[in-house]
Amino acid sequence: MATVRKDVVLGADAADVWEALRDFTAVHQRLCPGVLVDSRPGPGGRVVTFAAGPVVRETLVAVEPEERRLVYAVAESPFPFAHHQASMQVLPAEAGCRLVWVTDLLPDEVAPAVNALVEEGAAAMRRVFPVPGDH
């Protein structure tokens, strides 16, 4: 099983980023605009549409408000996943917060494509919640 990890430093209070993250079906507006162009309620979670075209159905697995942690899994996608589950946790930091995004997936060969999507998502989040002085 491959794991893709991303630690994203964001220039906003952890509570504000958590409010955006937990708004599960507004991810295309509140966290990853430009990377995602649509998100709507779907069976057990949401259906997201990527700017590049793929449509993915994601199941909401867990929401832990006290930990500011959300877990989701890909239920249907054009990618050949045998398994996909990801967690996103918002942690306070000295200046702003950190979003820790961990994705476990099979087969391992899909990891580079998932890593590229995670990088795009992280860049979108940094545009939404920029760190002052960061270019």
C-alpha atoms as a PDB file:
ATOM      1  CA  MET A   1       0.000   0.000   0.000  1.00  0.00           C
ATOM      2  CA  ALA A   2       1.310   3.424  -0.941  1.00  0.00           C
ATOM      3  CA  THR A   3       0.931   6.500   1.234  1.00  0.00           C
ATOM      4  CA  VAL A   4       0.915  10.092  -0.007  1.00  0.00           C
ATOM      5  CA  ARG A   5       1.566  12.667   2.748  1.00  0.00           C
ATOM      6  CA  LYS A   6       1.325  16.428   2.485  1.00  0.00           C
ATOM      7  CA  ASP A   7       1.802  18.992   5.249  1.00  0.00           C
ATOM      8  CA  VAL A   8       0.336  22.310   4.100  1.00  0.00           C
ATOM      9  CA  VAL A   9       1.145  25.534   5.980  1.00  0.00           C
ATOM     10  CA  LEU A  10      -1.780  27.954   5.744  1.00  0.00           C
ATOM     11  CA  GLY A  11      -2.062  31.590   6.775  1.00  0.00           C
ATOM     12  CA  ALA A  12      -5.356  31.374   8.655  1.00  0.00           C
ATOM     13  CA  ASP A  13      -6.552  30.369  12.082  1.00  0.00           C
ATOM     14  CA  ALA A  14      -7.093  26.613  12.491  1.00  0.00           C
ATOM     15  CA  ALA A  15     -10.769  27.189  13.361  1.00  0.00           C
ATOM     16  CA  ASP A  16     -11.367  29.041  10.075  1.00  0.00           C
ATOM     17  CA  VAL A  17      -9.668  26.365   7.977  1.00  0.00           C
ATOM     18  CA  TRP A  18     -11.585  23.655   9.864  1.00  0.00           C
ATOM     19  CA  GLU A  19     -14.890  25.394   9.058  1.00  0.00           C
ATOM     20  CA  ALA A  20     -13.976  25.317   5.359  1.00  0.00           C
ATOM     21  CA  LEU A  21     -12.800  21.684   5.498  1.00  0.00           C
ATOM     22  CA  ARG A  22     -15.857  20.367   7.317  1.00  0.00           C
ATOM     23  CA  ASP A  23     -18.136  22.001   4.711  1.00  0.00           C
ATOM     24  CA  PHE A  24     -17.698  18.755   2.780  1.00  0.00           C
ATOM     25  CA  THR A  25     -19.742  19.549  -0.324  1.00  0.00           C
ATOM     26  CA  ALA A  26     -18.317  23.066  -0.778  1.00  0.00           C
ATOM     27  CA  VAL A  27     -14.706  21.917  -1.238  1.00  0.00           C
ATOM     28  CA  HIS A  28     -14.648  23.365  -4.780  1.00  0.00           C
ATOM     29  CA  GLN A  29     -15.464  26.824  -3.390  1.00  0.00           C
ATOM     30  CA  ARG A  30     -13.849  26.918   0.047  1.00  0.00           C
ATOM     31  CA  LEU A  31     -10.644  24.849  -0.238  1.00  0.00           C
ATOM     32  CA  CYS A  32      -9.683  23.930  -3.789  1.00  0.00           C
ATOM     33  CA  PRO A  33     -11.211  26.385  -6.273  1.00  0.00           C
ATOM     34  CA  GLY A  34      -9.706  25.991  -9.708  1.00  0.00           C
ATOM     35  CA  VAL A  35      -8.612  22.405  -9.071  1.00  0.00           C
ATOM     36  CA  LEU A  36     -12.193  21.304  -8.426  1.00  0.00           C
ATOM     37  CA  VAL A  37     -14.969  22.908 -10.458  1.00  0.00           C
ATOM     38  CA  ASP A  38     -17.983  21.249  -8.836  1.00  0.00           C
ATOM     39  CA  SER A  39     -18.991  19.332  -5.727  1.00  0.00           C
ATOM     40  CA  ARG A  40     -22.469  18.165  -4.877  1.00  0.00           C
ATOM     41  CA  PRO A  41     -24.029  15.804  -2.367  1.00  0.00           C
ATOM     42  CA  GLY A  42     -23.830  12.173  -3.420  1.00  0.00           C
ATOM     43  CA  PRO A  43     -24.544   8.780  -1.854  1.00  0.00           C
ATOM     44  CA  GLY A  44     -22.771   8.784   1.518  1.00  0.00           C
ATOM     45  CA  GLY A  45     -20.781  11.914   0.768  1.00  0.00           C
ATOM     46  CA  ARG A  46     -20.105  13.974  -2.350  1.00  0.00           C
ATOM     47  CA  VAL A  47     -19.386  13.847  -6.064  1.00  0.00           C
ATOM     48  CA  VAL A  48     -16.510  16.119  -7.117  1.00  0.00           C
ATOM     49  CA  THR A  49     -15.501  17.210 -10.595  1.00  0.00           C
ATOM     50  CA  PHE A  50     -11.871  18.085 -11.271  1.00  0.00           C
ATOM     51  CA  ALA A  51     -10.961  20.921 -13.645  1.00  0.00           C
ATOM     52  CA  ALA A  52      -9.106  18.367 -15.778  1.00  0.00           C
ATOM     53  CA  GLY A  53     -12.350  16.406 -16.221  1.00  0.00           C
ATOM     54  CA  PRO A  54     -12.427  13.390 -13.875  1.00  0.00           C
ATOM     55  CA  VAL A  55     -15.551  12.927 -11.747  1.00  0.00           C
ATOM     56  CA  VAL A  56     -15.049  11.141  -8.412  1.00  0.00           C
ATOM     57  CA  ARG A  57     -17.572   9.929  -5.825  1.00  0.00           C
ATOM     58  CA  GLU A  58     -16.217  10.217  -2.283  1.00  0.00           C
ATOM     59  CA  THR A  59     -17.697   8.731   0.879  1.00  0.00           C
ATOM     60  CA  LEU A  60     -17.473  10.698   4.120  1.00  0.00           C
ATOM     61  CA  VAL A  61     -15.997   8.177   6.582  1.00  0.00           C
ATOM     62  CA  ALA A  62     -15.527  10.243   9.757  1.00  0.00           C
ATOM     63  CA  VAL A  63     -15.713  13.780  11.103  1.00  0.00           C
ATOM     64  CA  GLU A  64     -13.941  14.480  14.403  1.00  0.00           C
ATOM     65  CA  PRO A  65     -14.634  18.128  15.343  1.00  0.00           C
ATOM     66  CA  GLU A  66     -12.544  18.042  18.543  1.00  0.00           C
ATOM     67  CA  GLU A  67      -9.524  16.850  16.553  1.00  0.00           C
ATOM     68  CA  ARG A  68     -10.420  18.967  13.489  1.00  0.00           C
ATOM     69  CA  ARG A  69     -10.055  15.788  11.446  1.00  0.00           C
ATOM     70  CA  LEU A  70     -12.040  14.515   8.485  1.00  0.00           C
ATOM     71  CA  VAL A  71     -11.703  11.148   6.710  1.00  0.00           C
ATOM     72  CA  TYR A  72     -13.015  10.306   3.254  1.00  0.00           C
ATOM     73  CA  ALA A  73     -12.668   7.439   0.787  1.00  0.00           C
ATOM     74  CA  VAL A  74     -12.993   7.254  -2.980  1.00  0.00           C
ATOM     75  CA  ALA A  75     -15.949   5.027  -3.841  1.00  0.00           C
ATOM     76  CA  GLU A  76     -16.000   5.510  -7.640  1.00  0.00           C
ATOM     77  CA  SER A  77     -13.519   7.134  -9.983  1.00  0.00           C
ATOM     78  CA  PRO A  78     -11.843   6.766 -13.361  1.00  0.00           C
ATOM     79  CA  PHE A  79      -8.631   5.867 -11.501  1.00  0.00           C
ATOM     80  CA  PRO A  80      -7.941   2.142 -10.963  1.00  0.00           C
ATOM     81  CA  PHE A  81      -8.105   2.200  -7.152  1.00  0.00           C
ATOM     82  CA  ALA A  82      -8.397  -1.050  -5.236  1.00  0.00           C
ATOM     83  CA  HIS A  83      -8.328   1.108  -2.079  1.00  0.00           C
ATOM     84  CA  HIS A  84      -8.290   4.839  -1.333  1.00  0.00           C
ATOM     85  CA  GLN A  85      -8.794   6.504   2.025  1.00  0.00           C
ATOM     86  CA  ALA A  86      -7.563   9.933   3.077  1.00  0.00           C
ATOM     87  CA  SER A  87      -7.542  11.969   6.260  1.00  0.00           C
ATOM     88  CA  MET A  88      -7.170  15.721   6.591  1.00  0.00           C
ATOM     89  CA  GLN A  89      -6.408  17.253   9.970  1.00  0.00           C
ATOM     90  CA  VAL A  90      -6.057  20.940  10.811  1.00  0.00           C
ATOM     91  CA  LEU A  91      -3.500  21.736  13.515  1.00  0.00           C
ATOM     92  CA  PRO A  92      -2.707  25.111  15.074  1.00  0.00           C
ATOM     93  CA  ALA A  93       0.701  26.543  14.219  1.00  0.00           C
ATOM     94  CA  GLU A  94       2.686  29.570  15.358  1.00  0.00           C
ATOM     95  CA  ALA A  95       1.556  31.638  12.378  1.00  0.00           C
ATOM     96  CA  GLY A  96      -1.716  30.258  11.040  1.00  0.00           C
ATOM     97  CA  CYS A  97      -2.139  26.500  10.907  1.00  0.00           C
ATOM     98  CA  ARG A  98      -1.068  23.280   9.239  1.00  0.00           C
ATOM     99  CA  LEU A  99      -3.280  20.924   7.283  1.00  0.00           C
ATOM    100  CA  VAL A 100      -1.934  17.374   7.352  1.00  0.00           C
ATOM    101  CA  TRP A 101      -3.286  15.329   4.439  1.00  0.00           C
ATOM    102  CA  VAL A 102      -2.545  11.578   4.407  1.00  0.00           C
ATOM    103  CA  THR A 103      -3.798   9.260   1.662  1.00  0.00           C
ATOM    104  CA  ASP A 104      -3.432   5.467   1.706  1.00  0.00           C
ATOM    105  CA  LEU A 105      -4.044   3.755  -1.620  1.00  0.00           C
ATOM    106  CA  LEU A 106      -3.714   0.668  -3.748  1.00  0.00           C
ATOM    107  CA  PRO A 107      -2.285  -0.108  -6.206  1.00  0.00           C
ATOM    108  CA  ASP A 108       1.039   1.577  -5.534  1.00  0.00           C
ATOM    109  CA  GLU A 109       1.336   2.534  -9.207  1.00  0.00           C
ATOM    110  CA  VAL A 110      -1.432   5.140  -8.812  1.00  0.00           C
ATOM    111  CA  ALA A 111       0.545   7.047  -6.144  1.00  0.00           C
ATOM    112  CA  PRO A 112       2.314   9.461  -8.560  1.00  0.00           C
ATOM    113  CA  ALA A 113      -1.022  10.583 -10.057  1.00  0.00           C
ATOM    114  CA  VAL A 114      -2.551  11.005  -6.587  1.00  0.00           C
ATOM    115  CA  ASN A 115       0.523  12.907  -5.410  1.00  0.00           C
ATOM    116  CA  ALA A 116       0.154  15.316  -8.350  1.00  0.00           C
ATOM    117  CA  LEU A 117      -3.518  15.931  -7.447  1.00  0.00           C
ATOM    118  CA  VAL A 118      -2.613  16.451  -3.780  1.00  0.00           C
ATOM    119  CA  GLU A 119       0.057  18.983  -4.802  1.00  0.00           C
ATOM    120  CA  GLU A 120      -2.523  20.856  -6.910  1.00  0.00           C
ATOM    121  CA  GLY A 121      -4.999  20.788  -4.023  1.00  0.00           C
ATOM    122  CA  ALA A 122      -2.385  22.038  -1.559  1.00  0.00           C
ATOM    123  CA  ALA A 123      -1.457  24.909  -3.895  1.00  0.00           C
ATOM    124  CA  ALA A 124      -5.141  25.871  -4.175  1.00  0.00           C
ATOM    125  CA  MET A 125      -5.486  25.864  -0.375  1.00  0.00           C
ATOM    126  CA  ARG A 126      -2.428  28.129  -0.080  1.00  0.00           C
ATOM    127  CA  ARG A 127      -4.094  30.556  -2.511  1.00  0.00           C
ATOM    128  CA  VAL A 128      -7.293  30.558  -0.415  1.00  0.00           C
ATOM    129  CA  PHE A 129      -5.413  30.894   2.907  1.00  0.00           C
ATOM    130  CA  PRO A 130      -2.117  32.595   1.956  1.00  0.00           C
ATOM    131  CA  VAL A 131       0.729  32.901   4.413  1.00  0.00           C
ATOM    132  CA  PRO A 132       1.676  36.601   4.725  1.00  0.00           C
ATOM    133  CA  GLY A 133       4.938  37.296   2.918  1.00  0.00           C
ATOM    134  CA  ASP A 134       4.816  33.960   1.055  1.00  0.00           C
ATOM    135  CA  HIS A 135       4.912  34.250  -2.725  1.00  0.00           C
END
